[in-house]
């Protein structure tokens, strides 16, 4: 059996999530979700449009405070390594994702 430390496990988890989210995806600016610019840095929406992910404790706190995500019930929040995911099962999160998708549809229509 390969013995690992908790730090090793967290590091491996972060690397896997980074690969999963950042492979071909670009971080989304909070204003693209209709949020205050101070709500974070790079936010990620899953391919299935079912959650918003943010990396790091500071970024998570900013999203919660400036983005109003402090009102998201814990049942809709999942933490994996340094990442925090907010489920679109919550109205607040779903509304932000819908705003982003609507803006994307509008840009494609203009072209």
PDB file of N, CA and C in Angstrom:
ATOM      1  N   UNK A   1       0.847  -1.183   0.000  1.00  0.00           N
ATOM      2  CA  UNK A   1       0.000   0.000   0.000  1.00  0.00           C
ATOM      3  C   UNK A   1       0.888   1.239   0.000  1.00  0.00           C
ATOM      4  N   UNK A   2       0.532   2.193  -0.826  1.00  0.00           N
ATOM      5  CA  UNK A   2       1.285   3.424  -0.948  1.00  0.00           C
ATOM      6  C   UNK A   2       0.786   4.423   0.107  1.00  0.00           C
ATOM      7  N   UNK A   3       1.633   4.786   1.043  1.00  0.00           N
ATOM      8  CA  UNK A   3       1.240   5.702   2.114  1.00  0.00           C
ATOM      9  C   UNK A   3       1.443   7.135   1.637  1.00  0.00           C
ATOM     10  N   UNK A   4       0.398   7.939   1.804  1.00  0.00           N
ATOM     11  CA  UNK A   4       0.458   9.337   1.398  1.00  0.00           C
ATOM     12  C   UNK A   4       0.023  10.204   2.559  1.00  0.00           C
ATOM     13  N   UNK A   5       0.499  11.418   2.528  1.00  0.00           N
ATOM     14  CA  UNK A   5       0.064  12.368   3.538  1.00  0.00           C
ATOM     15  C   UNK A   5      -1.200  13.069   3.049  1.00  0.00           C
ATOM     16  N   UNK A   6      -1.880  13.704   3.947  1.00  0.00           N
ATOM     17  CA  UNK A   6      -3.075  14.465   3.577  1.00  0.00           C
ATOM     18  C   UNK A   6      -2.690  15.579   2.606  1.00  0.00           C
ATOM     19  N   UNK A   7      -1.547  16.191   2.823  1.00  0.00           N
ATOM     20  CA  UNK A   7      -1.076  17.254   1.916  1.00  0.00           C
ATOM     21  C   UNK A   7      -0.910  16.726   0.495  1.00  0.00           C
ATOM     22  N   UNK A   8      -0.363  15.511   0.369  1.00  0.00           N
ATOM     23  CA  UNK A   8      -0.205  14.901  -0.958  1.00  0.00           C
ATOM     24  C   UNK A   8      -1.559  14.695  -1.619  1.00  0.00           C
ATOM     25  N   UNK A   9      -2.514  14.211  -0.851  1.00  0.00           N
ATOM     26  CA  UNK A   9      -3.852  13.960  -1.376  1.00  0.00           C
ATOM     27  C   UNK A   9      -4.517  15.258  -1.831  1.00  0.00           C
ATOM     28  N   UNK A  10      -4.385  16.308  -1.035  1.00  0.00           N
ATOM     29  CA  UNK A  10      -4.959  17.611  -1.396  1.00  0.00           C
ATOM     30  C   UNK A  10      -4.296  18.146  -2.657  1.00  0.00           C
ATOM     31  N   UNK A  11      -2.983  18.028  -2.749  1.00  0.00           N
ATOM     32  CA  UNK A  11      -2.260  18.505  -3.923  1.00  0.00           C
ATOM     33  C   UNK A  11      -2.690  17.746  -5.181  1.00  0.00           C
ATOM     34  N   UNK A  12      -2.805  16.438  -5.087  1.00  0.00           N
ATOM     35  CA  UNK A  12      -3.246  15.636  -6.227  1.00  0.00           C
ATOM     36  C   UNK A  12      -4.673  15.989  -6.627  1.00  0.00           C
ATOM     37  N   UNK A  13      -5.528  16.204  -5.644  1.00  0.00           N
ATOM     38  CA  UNK A  13      -6.916  16.583  -5.920  1.00  0.00           C
ATOM     39  C   UNK A  13      -6.966  17.916  -6.648  1.00  0.00           C
ATOM     40  N   UNK A  14      -6.203  18.888  -6.168  1.00  0.00           N
ATOM     41  CA  UNK A  14      -6.166  20.198  -6.818  1.00  0.00           C
ATOM     42  C   UNK A  14      -5.697  20.087  -8.263  1.00  0.00           C
ATOM     43  N   UNK A  15      -4.684  19.270  -8.501  1.00  0.00           N
ATOM     44  CA  UNK A  15      -4.168  19.089  -9.854  1.00  0.00           C
ATOM     45  C   UNK A  15      -5.229  18.474 -10.768  1.00  0.00           C
ATOM     46  N   UNK A  16      -5.958  17.487 -10.260  1.00  0.00           N
ATOM     47  CA  UNK A  16      -7.008  16.851 -11.060  1.00  0.00           C
ATOM     48  C   UNK A  16      -8.137  17.822 -11.376  1.00  0.00           C
ATOM     49  N   UNK A  17      -8.554  18.598 -10.389  1.00  0.00           N
ATOM     50  CA  UNK A  17      -9.634  19.566 -10.614  1.00  0.00           C
ATOM     51  C   UNK A  17      -9.158  20.646 -11.580  1.00  0.00           C
ATOM     52  N   UNK A  18      -7.911  21.109 -11.412  1.00  0.00           N
ATOM     53  CA  UNK A  18      -7.353  22.098 -12.346  1.00  0.00           C
ATOM     54  C   UNK A  18      -7.399  21.574 -13.776  1.00  0.00           C
ATOM     55  N   UNK A  19      -6.957  20.351 -13.955  1.00  0.00           N
ATOM     56  CA  UNK A  19      -6.971  19.733 -15.285  1.00  0.00           C
ATOM     57  C   UNK A  19      -8.379  19.657 -15.840  1.00  0.00           C
ATOM     58  N   UNK A  20      -9.299  19.213 -15.012  1.00  0.00           N
ATOM     59  CA  UNK A  20     -10.685  19.039 -15.426  1.00  0.00           C
ATOM     60  C   UNK A  20     -11.315  20.365 -15.833  1.00  0.00           C
ATOM     61  N   UNK A  21     -11.149  21.393 -15.021  1.00  0.00           N
ATOM     62  CA  UNK A  21     -11.812  22.666 -15.282  1.00  0.00           C
ATOM     63  C   UNK A  21     -11.084  23.531 -16.296  1.00  0.00           C
ATOM     64  N   UNK A  22      -9.786  23.582 -16.196  1.00  0.00           N
ATOM     65  CA  UNK A  22      -9.037  24.524 -17.017  1.00  0.00           C
ATOM     66  C   UNK A  22      -8.675  23.987 -18.388  1.00  0.00           C
ATOM     67  N   UNK A  23      -8.882  22.717 -18.638  1.00  0.00           N
ATOM     68  CA  UNK A  23      -8.565  22.135 -19.928  1.00  0.00           C
ATOM     69  C   UNK A  23      -9.551  22.652 -20.975  1.00  0.00           C
ATOM     70  N   UNK A  24      -9.122  23.658 -21.726  1.00  0.00           N
ATOM     71  CA  UNK A  24      -9.969  24.210 -22.774  1.00  0.00           C
ATOM     72  C   UNK A  24     -10.949  25.264 -22.293  1.00  0.00           C
ATOM     73  N   UNK A  25     -11.015  25.498 -21.004  1.00  0.00           N
ATOM     74  CA  UNK A  25     -11.920  26.514 -20.472  1.00  0.00           C
ATOM     75  C   UNK A  25     -11.129  27.751 -20.071  1.00  0.00           C
ATOM     76  N   UNK A  26     -11.769  28.862 -20.142  1.00  0.00           N
ATOM     77  CA  UNK A  26     -11.170  30.125 -19.739  1.00  0.00           C
ATOM     78  C   UNK A  26     -11.910  30.616 -18.511  1.00  0.00           C
ATOM     79  N   UNK A  27     -11.178  31.216 -17.595  1.00  0.00           N
ATOM     80  CA  UNK A  27     -11.834  31.770 -16.419  1.00  0.00           C
ATOM     81  C   UNK A  27     -12.831  32.847 -16.819  1.00  0.00           C
ATOM     82  N   UNK A  28     -13.916  32.902 -16.083  1.00  0.00           N
ATOM     83  CA  UNK A  28     -14.987  33.855 -16.369  1.00  0.00           C
ATOM     84  C   UNK A  28     -14.909  35.003 -15.369  1.00  0.00           C
ATOM     85  N   UNK A  29     -15.017  36.190 -15.878  1.00  0.00           N
ATOM     86  CA  UNK A  29     -15.029  37.384 -15.056  1.00  0.00           C
ATOM     87  C   UNK A  29     -16.375  37.469 -14.331  1.00  0.00           C
ATOM     88  N   UNK A  30     -16.385  37.850 -13.052  1.00  0.00           N
ATOM     89  CA  UNK A  30     -17.651  37.929 -12.305  1.00  0.00           C
ATOM     90  C   UNK A  30     -18.714  38.803 -12.968  1.00  0.00           C
ATOM     91  N   UNK A  31     -18.294  39.880 -13.637  1.00  0.00           N
ATOM     92  CA  UNK A  31     -19.281  40.754 -14.270  1.00  0.00           C
ATOM     93  C   UNK A  31     -20.025  40.041 -15.399  1.00  0.00           C
ATOM     94  N   UNK A  32     -19.414  39.005 -15.995  1.00  0.00           N
ATOM     95  CA  UNK A  32     -20.089  38.224 -17.033  1.00  0.00           C
ATOM     96  C   UNK A  32     -21.243  37.407 -16.458  1.00  0.00           C
ATOM     97  N   UNK A  33     -21.245  37.252 -15.126  1.00  0.00           N
ATOM     98  CA  UNK A  33     -22.325  36.543 -14.444  1.00  0.00           C
ATOM     99  C   UNK A  33     -23.321  37.522 -13.824  1.00  0.00           C
ATOM    100  N   UNK A  34     -23.093  38.805 -14.066  1.00  0.00           N
ATOM    101  CA  UNK A  34     -23.958  39.817 -13.486  1.00  0.00           C
ATOM    102  C   UNK A  34     -23.596  40.142 -12.047  1.00  0.00           C
ATOM    103  N   UNK A  35     -22.348  39.838 -11.655  1.00  0.00           N
ATOM    104  CA  UNK A  35     -21.901  40.067 -10.283  1.00  0.00           C
ATOM    105  C   UNK A  35     -20.969  41.258 -10.201  1.00  0.00           C
ATOM    106  N   UNK A  36     -20.824  41.790  -9.012  1.00  0.00           N
ATOM    107  CA  UNK A  36     -19.860  42.836  -8.717  1.00  0.00           C
ATOM    108  C   UNK A  36     -18.469  42.348  -9.112  1.00  0.00           C
ATOM    109  N   UNK A  37     -17.689  43.214  -9.728  1.00  0.00           N
ATOM    110  CA  UNK A  37     -16.335  42.867 -10.176  1.00  0.00           C
ATOM    111  C   UNK A  37     -15.473  42.339  -9.026  1.00  0.00           C
ATOM    112  N   UNK A  38     -15.742  42.792  -7.819  1.00  0.00           N
ATOM    113  CA  UNK A  38     -14.956  42.362  -6.650  1.00  0.00           C
ATOM    114  C   UNK A  38     -15.306  40.949  -6.195  1.00  0.00           C
ATOM    115  N   UNK A  39     -16.285  40.320  -6.844  1.00  0.00           N
ATOM    116  CA  UNK A  39     -16.755  39.001  -6.417  1.00  0.00           C
ATOM    117  C   UNK A  39     -15.775  37.876  -6.723  1.00  0.00           C
ATOM    118  N   UNK A  40     -14.681  38.182  -7.352  1.00  0.00           N
ATOM    119  CA  UNK A  40     -13.716  37.119  -7.587  1.00  0.00           C
ATOM    120  C   UNK A  40     -12.799  37.400  -8.742  1.00  0.00           C
ATOM    121  N   UNK A  41     -12.086  36.403  -9.089  1.00  0.00           N
ATOM    122  CA  UNK A  41     -11.111  36.488 -10.164  1.00  0.00           C
ATOM    123  C   UNK A  41     -11.623  35.613 -11.297  1.00  0.00           C
ATOM    124  N   UNK A  42     -10.992  34.499 -11.490  1.00  0.00           N
ATOM    125  CA  UNK A  42     -11.472  33.569 -12.506  1.00  0.00           C
ATOM    126  C   UNK A  42     -12.455  32.590 -11.880  1.00  0.00           C
ATOM    127  N   UNK A  43     -13.660  32.617 -12.379  1.00  0.00           N
ATOM    128  CA  UNK A  43     -14.688  31.673 -11.968  1.00  0.00           C
ATOM    129  C   UNK A  43     -14.882  30.699 -13.128  1.00  0.00           C
ATOM    130  N   UNK A  44     -15.291  29.513 -12.823  1.00  0.00           N
ATOM    131  CA  UNK A  44     -15.483  28.508 -13.862  1.00  0.00           C
ATOM    132  C   UNK A  44     -16.895  27.946 -13.771  1.00  0.00           C
ATOM    133  N   UNK A  45     -17.502  27.747 -14.934  1.00  0.00           N
ATOM    134  CA  UNK A  45     -18.803  27.095 -15.008  1.00  0.00           C
ATOM    135  C   UNK A  45     -18.560  25.719 -15.615  1.00  0.00           C
ATOM    136  N   UNK A  46     -19.150  24.705 -15.016  1.00  0.00           N
ATOM    137  CA  UNK A  46     -18.971  23.344 -15.525  1.00  0.00           C
ATOM    138  C   UNK A  46     -19.564  23.231 -16.927  1.00  0.00           C
ATOM    139  N   UNK A  47     -19.076  22.253 -17.689  1.00  0.00           N
ATOM    140  CA  UNK A  47     -19.588  22.034 -19.044  1.00  0.00           C
ATOM    141  C   UNK A  47     -21.086  21.797 -19.051  1.00  0.00           C
ATOM    142  N   UNK A  48     -21.600  21.180 -17.997  1.00  0.00           N
ATOM    143  CA  UNK A  48     -23.022  20.880 -17.913  1.00  0.00           C
ATOM    144  C   UNK A  48     -23.835  22.074 -17.424  1.00  0.00           C
ATOM    145  N   UNK A  49     -23.147  23.183 -17.127  1.00  0.00           N
ATOM    146  CA  UNK A  49     -23.789  24.391 -16.606  1.00  0.00           C
ATOM    147  C   UNK A  49     -24.551  24.119 -15.313  1.00  0.00           C
ATOM    148  N   UNK A  50     -24.002  23.224 -14.492  1.00  0.00           N
ATOM    149  CA  UNK A  50     -24.695  22.879 -13.250  1.00  0.00           C
ATOM    150  C   UNK A  50     -23.988  23.368 -11.994  1.00  0.00           C
ATOM    151  N   UNK A  51     -22.857  24.063 -12.157  1.00  0.00           N
ATOM    152  CA  UNK A  51     -22.197  24.631 -10.978  1.00  0.00           C
ATOM    153  C   UNK A  51     -21.191  25.696 -11.389  1.00  0.00           C
ATOM    154  N   UNK A  52     -20.854  26.523 -10.422  1.00  0.00           N
ATOM    155  CA  UNK A  52     -19.789  27.523 -10.570  1.00  0.00           C
ATOM    156  C   UNK A  52     -18.683  27.122  -9.612  1.00  0.00           C
ATOM    157  N   UNK A  53     -17.453  27.105 -10.113  1.00  0.00           N
ATOM    158  CA  UNK A  53     -16.313  26.745  -9.288  1.00  0.00           C
ATOM    159  C   UNK A  53     -15.354  27.910  -9.133  1.00  0.00           C
ATOM    160  N   UNK A  54     -14.726  27.971  -7.975  1.00  0.00           N
ATOM    161  CA  UNK A  54     -13.737  29.010  -7.687  1.00  0.00           C
ATOM    162  C   UNK A  54     -12.615  28.371  -6.872  1.00  0.00           C
ATOM    163  N   UNK A  55     -11.382  28.827  -7.115  1.00  0.00           N
ATOM    164  CA  UNK A  55     -10.241  28.222  -6.439  1.00  0.00           C
ATOM    165  C   UNK A  55      -9.661  29.174  -5.403  1.00  0.00           C
ATOM    166  N   UNK A  56      -9.443  28.647  -4.228  1.00  0.00           N
ATOM    167  CA  UNK A  56      -8.776  29.396  -3.166  1.00  0.00           C
ATOM    168  C   UNK A  56      -9.739  29.975  -2.152  1.00  0.00           C
ATOM    169  N   UNK A  57      -9.268  30.057  -0.936  1.00  0.00           N
ATOM    170  CA  UNK A  57     -10.097  30.558   0.159  1.00  0.00           C
ATOM    171  C   UNK A  57     -10.452  32.033  -0.019  1.00  0.00           C
ATOM    172  N   UNK A  58      -9.473  32.850  -0.425  1.00  0.00           N
ATOM    173  CA  UNK A  58      -9.732  34.282  -0.610  1.00  0.00           C
ATOM    174  C   UNK A  58     -10.771  34.505  -1.712  1.00  0.00           C
ATOM    175  N   UNK A  59     -10.604  33.793  -2.837  1.00  0.00           N
ATOM    176  CA  UNK A  59     -11.551  33.933  -3.947  1.00  0.00           C
ATOM    177  C   UNK A  59     -12.946  33.466  -3.537  1.00  0.00           C
ATOM    178  N   UNK A  60     -12.997  32.404  -2.744  1.00  0.00           N
ATOM    179  CA  UNK A  60     -14.292  31.896  -2.269  1.00  0.00           C
ATOM    180  C   UNK A  60     -14.974  32.922  -1.380  1.00  0.00           C
ATOM    181  N   UNK A  61     -14.213  33.510  -0.455  1.00  0.00           N
ATOM    182  CA  UNK A  61     -14.794  34.529   0.436  1.00  0.00           C
ATOM    183  C   UNK A  61     -15.267  35.748  -0.348  1.00  0.00           C
ATOM    184  N   UNK A  62     -14.499  36.157  -1.365  1.00  0.00           N
ATOM    185  CA  UNK A  62     -14.906  37.302  -2.189  1.00  0.00           C
ATOM    186  C   UNK A  62     -16.210  37.013  -2.917  1.00  0.00           C
ATOM    187  N   UNK A  63     -16.312  35.817  -3.479  1.00  0.00           N
ATOM    188  CA  UNK A  63     -17.542  35.436  -4.181  1.00  0.00           C
ATOM    189  C   UNK A  63     -18.716  35.392  -3.219  1.00  0.00           C
ATOM    190  N   UNK A  64     -18.471  34.890  -2.038  1.00  0.00           N
ATOM    191  CA  UNK A  64     -19.551  34.807  -1.058  1.00  0.00           C
ATOM    192  C   UNK A  64     -19.995  36.203  -0.618  1.00  0.00           C
ATOM    193  N   UNK A  65     -19.039  37.084  -0.346  1.00  0.00           N
ATOM    194  CA  UNK A  65     -19.387  38.405   0.164  1.00  0.00           C
ATOM    195  C   UNK A  65     -19.905  39.338  -0.933  1.00  0.00           C
ATOM    196  N   UNK A  66     -19.093  39.549  -1.975  1.00  0.00           N
ATOM    197  CA  UNK A  66     -19.465  40.501  -3.022  1.00  0.00           C
ATOM    198  C   UNK A  66     -20.449  39.930  -4.039  1.00  0.00           C
ATOM    199  N   UNK A  67     -20.490  38.609  -4.154  1.00  0.00           N
ATOM    200  CA  UNK A  67     -21.394  37.989  -5.115  1.00  0.00           C
ATOM    201  C   UNK A  67     -22.683  37.501  -4.507  1.00  0.00           C
ATOM    202  N   UNK A  68     -22.822  37.633  -3.188  1.00  0.00           N
ATOM    203  CA  UNK A  68     -24.051  37.205  -2.525  1.00  0.00           C
ATOM    204  C   UNK A  68     -24.160  35.698  -2.344  1.00  0.00           C
ATOM    205  N   UNK A  69     -23.056  34.988  -2.527  1.00  0.00           N
ATOM    206  CA  UNK A  69     -23.109  33.539  -2.400  1.00  0.00           C
ATOM    207  C   UNK A  69     -23.070  33.069  -0.952  1.00  0.00           C
ATOM    208  N   UNK A  70     -22.971  34.006  -0.008  1.00  0.00           N
ATOM    209  CA  UNK A  70     -23.049  33.602   1.398  1.00  0.00           C
ATOM    210  C   UNK A  70     -24.444  33.098   1.739  1.00  0.00           C
ATOM    211  N   UNK A  71     -25.410  33.411   0.868  1.00  0.00           N
ATOM    212  CA  UNK A  71     -26.786  32.952   1.087  1.00  0.00           C
ATOM    213  C   UNK A  71     -27.063  31.578   0.474  1.00  0.00           C
ATOM    214  N   UNK A  72     -26.052  31.012  -0.197  1.00  0.00           N
ATOM    215  CA  UNK A  72     -26.206  29.667  -0.770  1.00  0.00           C
ATOM    216  C   UNK A  72     -26.132  28.660   0.380  1.00  0.00           C
ATOM    217  N   UNK A  73     -27.165  27.844   0.529  1.00  0.00           N
ATOM    218  CA  UNK A  73     -27.181  26.841   1.600  1.00  0.00           C
ATOM    219  C   UNK A  73     -26.032  25.860   1.430  1.00  0.00           C
ATOM    220  N   UNK A  74     -25.506  25.419   2.544  1.00  0.00           N
ATOM    221  CA  UNK A  74     -24.376  24.480   2.535  1.00  0.00           C
ATOM    222  C   UNK A  74     -24.668  23.218   1.725  1.00  0.00           C
ATOM    223  N   UNK A  75     -25.923  22.823   1.632  1.00  0.00           N
ATOM    224  CA  UNK A  75     -26.264  21.631   0.860  1.00  0.00           C
ATOM    225  C   UNK A  75     -25.948  21.807  -0.625  1.00  0.00           C
ATOM    226  N   UNK A  76     -25.771  23.064  -1.065  1.00  0.00           N
ATOM    227  CA  UNK A  76     -25.460  23.366  -2.464  1.00  0.00           C
ATOM    228  C   UNK A  76     -23.994  23.731  -2.666  1.00  0.00           C
ATOM    229  N   UNK A  77     -23.181  23.538  -1.633  1.00  0.00           N
ATOM    230  CA  UNK A  77     -21.756  23.880  -1.687  1.00  0.00           C
ATOM    231  C   UNK A  77     -20.935  22.608  -1.496  1.00  0.00           C
ATOM    232  N   UNK A  78     -19.966  22.416  -2.401  1.00  0.00           N
ATOM    233  CA  UNK A  78     -19.062  21.270  -2.300  1.00  0.00           C
ATOM    234  C   UNK A  78     -17.635  21.788  -2.344  1.00  0.00           C
ATOM    235  N   UNK A  79     -16.819  21.319  -1.432  1.00  0.00           N
ATOM    236  CA  UNK A  79     -15.410  21.707  -1.404  1.00  0.00           C
ATOM    237  C   UNK A  79     -14.555  20.495  -1.742  1.00  0.00           C
ATOM    238  N   UNK A  80     -13.649  20.688  -2.697  1.00  0.00           N
ATOM    239  CA  UNK A  80     -12.727  19.635  -3.114  1.00  0.00           C
ATOM    240  C   UNK A  80     -11.350  20.265  -3.201  1.00  0.00           C
ATOM    241  N   UNK A  81     -10.457  19.858  -2.302  1.00  0.00           N
ATOM    242  CA  UNK A  81      -9.131  20.482  -2.278  1.00  0.00           C
ATOM    243  C   UNK A  81      -9.273  21.969  -2.038  1.00  0.00           C
ATOM    244  N   UNK A  82      -8.638  22.778  -2.876  1.00  0.00           N
ATOM    245  CA  UNK A  82      -8.719  24.235  -2.761  1.00  0.00           C
ATOM    246  C   UNK A  82      -9.921  24.820  -3.493  1.00  0.00           C
ATOM    247  N   UNK A  83     -10.706  23.970  -4.123  1.00  0.00           N
ATOM    248  CA  UNK A  83     -11.827  24.429  -4.932  1.00  0.00           C
ATOM    249  C   UNK A  83     -13.130  24.394  -4.146  1.00  0.00           C
ATOM    250  N   UNK A  84     -13.990  25.366  -4.455  1.00  0.00           N
ATOM    251  CA  UNK A  84     -15.345  25.390  -3.908  1.00  0.00           C
ATOM    252  C   UNK A  84     -16.303  25.460  -5.094  1.00  0.00           C
ATOM    253  N   UNK A  85     -17.310  24.589  -5.073  1.00  0.00           N
ATOM    254  CA  UNK A  85     -18.307  24.533  -6.139  1.00  0.00           C
ATOM    255  C   UNK A  85     -19.674  24.870  -5.565  1.00  0.00           C
ATOM    256  N   UNK A  86     -20.382  25.730  -6.289  1.00  0.00           N
ATOM    257  CA  UNK A  86     -21.722  26.141  -5.902  1.00  0.00           C
ATOM    258  C   UNK A  86     -22.696  25.578  -6.930  1.00  0.00           C
ATOM    259  N   UNK A  87     -23.626  24.770  -6.486  1.00  0.00           N
ATOM    260  CA  UNK A  87     -24.553  24.054  -7.365  1.00  0.00           C
ATOM    261  C   UNK A  87     -25.650  24.965  -7.897  1.00  0.00           C
ATOM    262  N   UNK A  88     -26.003  24.739  -9.165  1.00  0.00           N
ATOM    263  CA  UNK A  88     -27.096  25.474  -9.798  1.00  0.00           C
ATOM    264  C   UNK A  88     -28.455  25.039  -9.269  1.00  0.00           C
ATOM    265  N   UNK A  89     -28.479  24.084  -8.343  1.00  0.00           N
ATOM    266  CA  UNK A  89     -29.741  23.747  -7.683  1.00  0.00           C
ATOM    267  C   UNK A  89     -30.206  24.905  -6.806  1.00  0.00           C
ATOM    268  N   UNK A  90     -29.283  25.824  -6.530  1.00  0.00           N
ATOM    269  CA  UNK A  90     -29.601  27.048  -5.773  1.00  0.00           C
ATOM    270  C   UNK A  90     -29.994  28.135  -6.778  1.00  0.00           C
ATOM    271  N   UNK A  91     -31.073  28.843  -6.493  1.00  0.00           N
ATOM    272  CA  UNK A  91     -31.571  29.889  -7.396  1.00  0.00           C
ATOM    273  C   UNK A  91     -30.519  30.948  -7.700  1.00  0.00           C
ATOM    274  N   UNK A  92     -29.777  31.376  -6.702  1.00  0.00           N
ATOM    275  CA  UNK A  92     -28.762  32.424  -6.882  1.00  0.00           C
ATOM    276  C   UNK A  92     -27.725  31.991  -7.914  1.00  0.00           C
ATOM    277  N   UNK A  93     -27.243  30.775  -7.792  1.00  0.00           N
ATOM    278  CA  UNK A  93     -26.220  30.252  -8.695  1.00  0.00           C
ATOM    279  C   UNK A  93     -26.808  30.057 -10.094  1.00  0.00           C
ATOM    280  N   UNK A  94     -27.983  29.471 -10.161  1.00  0.00           N
ATOM    281  CA  UNK A  94     -28.627  29.220 -11.451  1.00  0.00           C
ATOM    282  C   UNK A  94     -28.861  30.532 -12.210  1.00  0.00           C
ATOM    283  N   UNK A  95     -29.278  31.570 -11.505  1.00  0.00           N
ATOM    284  CA  UNK A  95     -29.512  32.868 -12.132  1.00  0.00           C
ATOM    285  C   UNK A  95     -28.225  33.423 -12.738  1.00  0.00           C
ATOM    286  N   UNK A  96     -27.122  33.291 -12.030  1.00  0.00           N
ATOM    287  CA  UNK A  96     -25.835  33.776 -12.541  1.00  0.00           C
ATOM    288  C   UNK A  96     -25.425  33.014 -13.796  1.00  0.00           C
ATOM    289  N   UNK A  97     -25.589  31.710 -13.785  1.00  0.00           N
ATOM    290  CA  UNK A  97     -25.238  30.899 -14.950  1.00  0.00           C
ATOM    291  C   UNK A  97     -26.132  31.270 -16.133  1.00  0.00           C
ATOM    292  N   UNK A  98     -27.415  31.460 -15.877  1.00  0.00           N
ATOM    293  CA  UNK A  98     -28.344  31.831 -16.952  1.00  0.00           C
ATOM    294  C   UNK A  98     -27.988  33.191 -17.547  1.00  0.00           C
ATOM    295  N   UNK A  99     -27.586  34.149 -16.707  1.00  0.00           N
ATOM    296  CA  UNK A  99     -27.161  35.461 -17.215  1.00  0.00           C
ATOM    297  C   UNK A  99     -25.970  35.303 -18.159  1.00  0.00           C
ATOM    298  N   UNK A 100     -25.008  34.505 -17.725  1.00  0.00           N
ATOM    299  CA  UNK A 100     -23.818  34.276 -18.543  1.00  0.00           C
ATOM    300  C   UNK A 100     -24.202  33.640 -19.880  1.00  0.00           C
ATOM    301  N   UNK A 101     -25.028  32.608 -19.846  1.00  0.00           N
ATOM    302  CA  UNK A 101     -25.422  31.923 -21.071  1.00  0.00           C
ATOM    303  C   UNK A 101     -26.222  32.844 -21.988  1.00  0.00           C
ATOM    304  N   UNK A 102     -27.079  33.680 -21.410  1.00  0.00           N
ATOM    305  CA  UNK A 102     -27.845  34.643 -22.204  1.00  0.00           C
ATOM    306  C   UNK A 102     -26.908  35.631 -22.907  1.00  0.00           C
ATOM    307  N   UNK A 103     -25.888  36.098 -22.198  1.00  0.00           N
ATOM    308  CA  UNK A 103     -24.913  37.011 -22.800  1.00  0.00           C
ATOM    309  C   UNK A 103     -24.159  36.315 -23.922  1.00  0.00           C
ATOM    310  N   UNK A 104     -23.805  35.049 -23.713  1.00  0.00           N
ATOM    311  CA  UNK A 104     -23.100  34.280 -24.740  1.00  0.00           C
ATOM    312  C   UNK A 104     -23.977  34.128 -25.977  1.00  0.00           C
ATOM    313  N   UNK A 105     -25.249  33.821 -25.776  1.00  0.00           N
ATOM    314  CA  UNK A 105     -26.184  33.671 -26.901  1.00  0.00           C
ATOM    315  C   UNK A 105     -26.329  34.989 -27.644  1.00  0.00           C
ATOM    316  N   UNK A 106     -26.370  36.099 -26.924  1.00  0.00           N
ATOM    317  CA  UNK A 106     -26.496  37.408 -27.531  1.00  0.00           C
ATOM    318  C   UNK A 106     -25.287  37.773 -28.373  1.00  0.00           C
ATOM    319  N   UNK A 107     -24.092  37.411 -27.917  1.00  0.00           N
ATOM    320  CA  UNK A 107     -22.875  37.688 -28.671  1.00  0.00           C
ATOM    321  C   UNK A 107     -22.825  36.859 -29.943  1.00  0.00           C
ATOM    322  N   UNK A 108     -23.255  35.606 -29.870  1.00  0.00           N
ATOM    323  CA  UNK A 108     -23.261  34.743 -31.058  1.00  0.00           C
ATOM    324  C   UNK A 108     -24.264  35.236 -32.082  1.00  0.00           C
ATOM    325  N   UNK A 109     -25.396  35.776 -31.625  1.00  0.00           N
ATOM    326  CA  UNK A 109     -26.432  36.283 -32.519  1.00  0.00           C
ATOM    327  C   UNK A 109     -25.941  37.512 -33.270  1.00  0.00           C
ATOM    328  N   UNK A 110     -25.135  38.356 -32.598  1.00  0.00           N
ATOM    329  CA  UNK A 110     -24.632  39.585 -33.204  1.00  0.00           C
ATOM    330  C   UNK A 110     -23.633  39.310 -34.307  1.00  0.00           C
ATOM    331  N   UNK A 111     -22.936  38.184 -34.237  1.00  0.00           N
ATOM    332  CA  UNK A 111     -21.888  37.899 -35.223  1.00  0.00           C
ATOM    333  C   UNK A 111     -22.413  37.425 -36.522  1.00  0.00           C
TER     334      UNK A 111
END
